[in-house]
C-alpha cells in the first residue's frame, strides 16, 4: 500500500480529473468506518462505469489501527479503479479538516467530486457532495450524516446515469453489504473508543 501525503493524493486526484472521484477517509478498525467503506465498495460494485475512480485513505484514529490492519481491509475492497493509501501521520486527514471545517482530524468522511474539479494549492478543493459518520464534537453538519442511497445517487448523477435506478432494493443491498464488512473481533474496543470520541474526550 502506498504511503499517503498531500502531494501523492493530489497527484492521483488530478490524474483522474476526467472521472467522478470518491474519496473516503476511514479508520481500518473502527466499526462505523468499516460499514461506510463497505457501502463505498458496494457502490463501486453496482456502478461498473470506468469513469468512476476511488481513493480509500486509511487513517489511524483507533488504538488498534496500523498498516497491517489497513492492508487487511483493503484486500476486501479490490477494484482496479480504487487506490488505497496509508495516512500514517494523519497528514491527509488534517488537510481535509480545513476544507470541511471540522474540529480534529477528518475521518469517517465520504466525499464525491465531479469531473474536472482540480486540486490546486495545499488544501483539497471543496467536494461536490459529502457525508460523514461523526459525533457532534467534530462540528460536522448533522444534515450530512451518511446515507448509503444518497451516496449512490450522487455518484450516478455525476456520471450522467439515472438516479432512480438506485431502487429501494438496491438501497437495502448497499446497507447489507456495508454491515457484512464489519469485523466483530474489534467490537468492544471500537465501541469504547467511539464512545469516548462522541463525548469529546
Protein backbone atom coordinates (compact mmCIF):
# COMPACT_ATOMS: atom_id res chain seq x y z
CA UNK A 1 0.00 0.00 0.00
CA UNK A 2 1.31 3.42 -0.93
CA UNK A 3 2.06 5.93 1.81
CA UNK A 4 -0.29 8.90 1.67
CA UNK A 5 0.79 12.51 1.61
CA UNK A 6 -0.86 15.65 0.37
CA UNK A 7 1.37 15.59 -2.71
CA UNK A 8 0.69 11.92 -3.50
CA UNK A 9 -3.08 12.17 -3.17
CA UNK A 10 -3.20 15.45 -5.09
CA UNK A 11 -1.28 13.83 -7.96
CA UNK A 12 -3.63 10.83 -8.06
CA UNK A 13 -6.67 13.06 -7.74
CA UNK A 14 -5.73 15.36 -10.62
CA UNK A 15 -4.61 12.46 -12.82
CA UNK A 16 -8.18 11.16 -12.61
CA UNK A 17 -9.64 14.58 -13.39
CA UNK A 18 -11.95 13.34 -16.13
CA UNK A 19 -13.66 10.91 -13.76
CA UNK A 20 -16.12 11.13 -10.92
CA UNK A 21 -13.99 10.62 -7.80
CA UNK A 22 -14.94 9.26 -4.41
CA UNK A 23 -12.54 9.98 -1.54
CA UNK A 24 -13.09 8.07 1.71
CA UNK A 25 -11.02 8.78 4.82
CA UNK A 26 -11.53 5.88 7.19
CA UNK A 27 -10.02 4.05 10.15
CA UNK A 28 -9.35 0.38 9.40
CA UNK A 29 -10.60 -0.95 12.76
CA UNK A 30 -13.44 1.46 13.52
CA UNK A 31 -16.76 -0.40 13.21
CA UNK A 32 -18.59 2.58 11.76
CA UNK A 33 -15.81 3.25 9.26
CA UNK A 34 -15.85 -0.40 8.19
CA UNK A 35 -19.55 -0.03 7.48
CA UNK A 36 -19.00 3.17 5.49
CA UNK A 37 -16.15 1.67 3.50
CA UNK A 38 -18.33 -1.36 2.80
CA UNK A 39 -21.06 0.87 1.38
CA UNK A 40 -18.50 2.62 -0.84
CA UNK A 41 -17.27 -0.78 -2.03
CA UNK A 42 -20.84 -1.86 -2.78
CA UNK A 43 -21.45 1.38 -4.68
CA UNK A 44 -18.49 0.57 -6.91
CA UNK A 45 -19.72 -2.99 -7.39
CA UNK A 46 -23.12 -1.72 -8.51
CA UNK A 47 -21.59 1.00 -10.70
CA UNK A 48 -19.22 -0.55 -13.27
CA UNK A 49 -18.59 2.72 -15.12
CA UNK A 50 -14.87 3.19 -15.96
CA UNK A 51 -15.34 6.93 -15.38
CA UNK A 52 -15.64 6.28 -11.64
CA UNK A 53 -12.49 6.38 -9.51
CA UNK A 54 -11.93 5.97 -5.80
CA UNK A 55 -9.31 6.83 -3.18
CA UNK A 56 -9.51 4.98 0.13
CA UNK A 57 -7.30 6.80 2.62
CA UNK A 58 -6.76 4.71 5.75
CA UNK A 59 -6.22 6.97 8.76
CA UNK A 60 -5.01 5.66 12.17
CA UNK A 61 -7.61 7.01 14.58
CA UNK A 62 -8.22 3.98 16.83
CA UNK A 63 -5.62 2.36 19.08
CA UNK A 64 -5.59 -0.84 17.01
CA UNK A 65 -5.07 0.93 13.68
CA UNK A 66 -1.85 0.17 11.83
CA UNK A 67 -0.66 -0.54 8.30
CA UNK A 68 -1.36 -4.26 8.60
CA UNK A 69 -4.99 -3.60 9.55
CA UNK A 70 -5.33 -1.15 6.66
CA UNK A 71 -3.95 -3.71 4.23
CA UNK A 72 -6.35 -6.30 5.58
CA UNK A 73 -9.31 -4.01 4.95
CA UNK A 74 -8.00 -3.04 1.51
CA UNK A 75 -7.89 -6.72 0.49
CA UNK A 76 -11.67 -6.80 0.79
CA UNK A 77 -12.02 -3.77 -1.47
CA UNK A 78 -10.08 -4.85 -4.54
CA UNK A 79 -11.13 -2.75 -7.53
CA UNK A 80 -8.74 -1.53 -10.21
CA UNK A 81 -10.49 1.85 -10.10
CA UNK A 82 -9.66 2.33 -6.42
CA UNK A 83 -6.30 3.36 -4.95
CA UNK A 84 -5.57 2.54 -1.29
CA UNK A 85 -3.31 4.88 0.70
CA UNK A 86 -1.97 4.72 4.28
CA UNK A 87 -2.08 8.10 6.04
CA UNK A 88 0.16 7.06 8.92
CA UNK A 89 0.91 10.62 10.05
CA UNK A 90 -2.67 11.85 9.51
CA UNK A 91 -1.34 14.42 7.06
CA UNK A 92 -4.16 13.94 4.60
CA UNK A 93 -6.80 13.80 7.32
CA UNK A 94 -5.55 17.05 8.76
CA UNK A 95 -5.73 18.99 5.48
CA UNK A 96 -9.25 17.76 4.80
CA UNK A 97 -10.21 19.05 8.24
CA UNK A 98 -9.63 22.58 6.99
CA UNK A 99 -11.59 22.08 3.79
CA UNK A 100 -14.55 20.57 5.65
CA UNK A 101 -14.34 22.97 8.63
CA UNK A 102 -14.14 20.18 11.18
CA UNK A 103 -12.64 20.03 14.65
CA UNK A 104 -9.83 17.48 14.77
CA UNK A 105 -8.53 15.17 12.06
CA UNK A 106 -11.02 14.38 9.28
CA UNK A 107 -12.00 10.71 9.28
CA UNK A 108 -15.12 8.67 8.59
CA UNK A 109 -15.91 11.13 5.81
CA UNK A 110 -17.04 10.32 2.26
CA UNK A 111 -16.53 12.89 -0.48
CA UNK A 112 -17.66 12.90 -4.10
CA UNK A 113 -16.10 15.15 -6.75
CA UNK A 114 -17.45 15.99 -10.18
CA UNK A 115 -15.19 15.56 -13.23
CA UNK A 116 -12.79 18.40 -13.96
CA UNK A 117 -12.57 19.55 -10.32
CA UNK A 118 -8.85 20.08 -9.74
CA UNK A 119 -6.82 20.22 -6.57
CA UNK A 120 -4.70 23.35 -6.71
CA UNK A 121 -2.61 24.52 -3.77
CA UNK A 122 -2.10 22.97 -0.34
CA UNK A 123 -5.75 22.39 0.60
CA UNK A 124 -8.15 19.96 -1.09
CA UNK A 125 -10.99 21.51 -3.10
CA UNK A 126 -14.47 21.62 -1.64
CA UNK A 127 -16.31 18.41 -2.54
CA UNK A 128 -19.28 18.42 -4.86
CA UNK A 129 -21.07 16.29 -2.27
CA UNK A 130 -20.02 14.77 1.03
CA UNK A 131 -21.29 12.90 4.07
CA UNK A 132 -19.89 11.70 7.37
CA UNK A 133 -20.44 9.49 10.41
CA UNK A 134 -19.01 11.82 13.04
CA UNK A 135 -20.09 12.94 16.53
CA UNK A 136 -21.19 16.48 17.21
CA UNK A 137 -17.88 17.28 18.95
CA UNK A 138 -16.26 17.47 15.50
CA UNK A 139 -18.63 20.29 14.42
CA UNK A 140 -19.71 18.21 11.42
CA UNK A 141 -23.01 19.29 9.84
CA UNK A 142 -25.68 16.88 11.14
CA UNK A 143 -27.62 17.25 7.89
CA UNK A 144 -24.75 15.47 6.13
CA UNK A 145 -24.96 12.23 8.12
CA UNK A 146 -24.16 9.20 5.99
CA UNK A 147 -27.00 7.71 3.92
CA UNK A 148 -25.95 4.86 1.57
CA UNK A 149 -28.62 5.52 -1.04
CA UNK A 150 -27.74 9.23 -1.20
CA UNK A 151 -24.09 8.39 -1.91
CA UNK A 152 -25.02 6.01 -4.72
CA UNK A 153 -27.45 8.52 -6.23
CA UNK A 154 -24.91 11.34 -6.21
CA UNK A 155 -22.34 9.12 -7.91
CA UNK A 156 -24.83 8.13 -10.60
CA UNK A 157 -26.00 11.72 -11.08
CA UNK A 158 -22.45 12.92 -11.71
CA UNK A 159 -21.87 10.02 -14.10
CA UNK A 160 -24.94 11.12 -16.06
CA UNK A 161 -26.87 8.00 -15.12
CA UNK A 162 -30.47 7.68 -13.93
CA UNK A 163 -30.53 8.21 -10.17
CA UNK A 164 -33.90 6.43 -9.99
CA UNK A 165 -32.09 3.21 -10.83
CA UNK A 166 -30.93 3.17 -7.21
CA UNK A 167 -34.07 1.34 -6.11
CA UNK A 168 -35.20 0.56 -2.60
CA UNK A 169 -33.95 -2.99 -3.07
CA UNK A 170 -30.53 -1.72 -4.11
CA UNK A 171 -30.50 0.63 -1.11
CA UNK A 172 -31.09 -2.38 1.15
CA UNK A 173 -28.29 -4.22 -0.64
CA UNK A 174 -25.90 -1.31 -0.03
CA UNK A 175 -26.81 -1.38 3.65
CA UNK A 176 -26.39 -5.16 3.87
CA UNK A 177 -23.03 -5.11 2.13
CA UNK A 178 -21.87 -2.35 4.46
CA UNK A 179 -22.85 -4.40 7.50
CA UNK A 180 -21.16 -7.50 6.10
CA UNK A 181 -17.75 -5.81 6.23
CA UNK A 182 -17.85 -5.06 9.97
CA UNK A 183 -15.47 -7.34 11.86
CA UNK A 184 -16.89 -8.32 15.26
CA UNK A 185 -13.45 -9.13 16.71
CA UNK A 186 -12.87 -5.42 17.28
CA UNK A 187 -16.37 -4.73 18.59
CA UNK A 188 -15.75 -3.99 22.27
CA UNK A 189 -12.62 -1.92 21.84
CA UNK A 190 -14.08 0.08 18.98
CA UNK A 191 -17.30 0.87 20.82
CA UNK A 192 -15.38 2.06 23.87
CA UNK A 193 -13.21 4.34 21.79
CA UNK A 194 -16.15 5.60 19.75
CA UNK A 195 -17.98 6.40 22.98
CA UNK A 196 -15.02 8.48 24.15
CA UNK A 197 -14.92 10.30 20.82
CA UNK A 198 -18.64 11.03 20.94
CA UNK A 199 -18.16 12.50 24.40
CA UNK A 200 -15.40 14.77 23.17
CA UNK A 201 -12.78 13.06 25.35
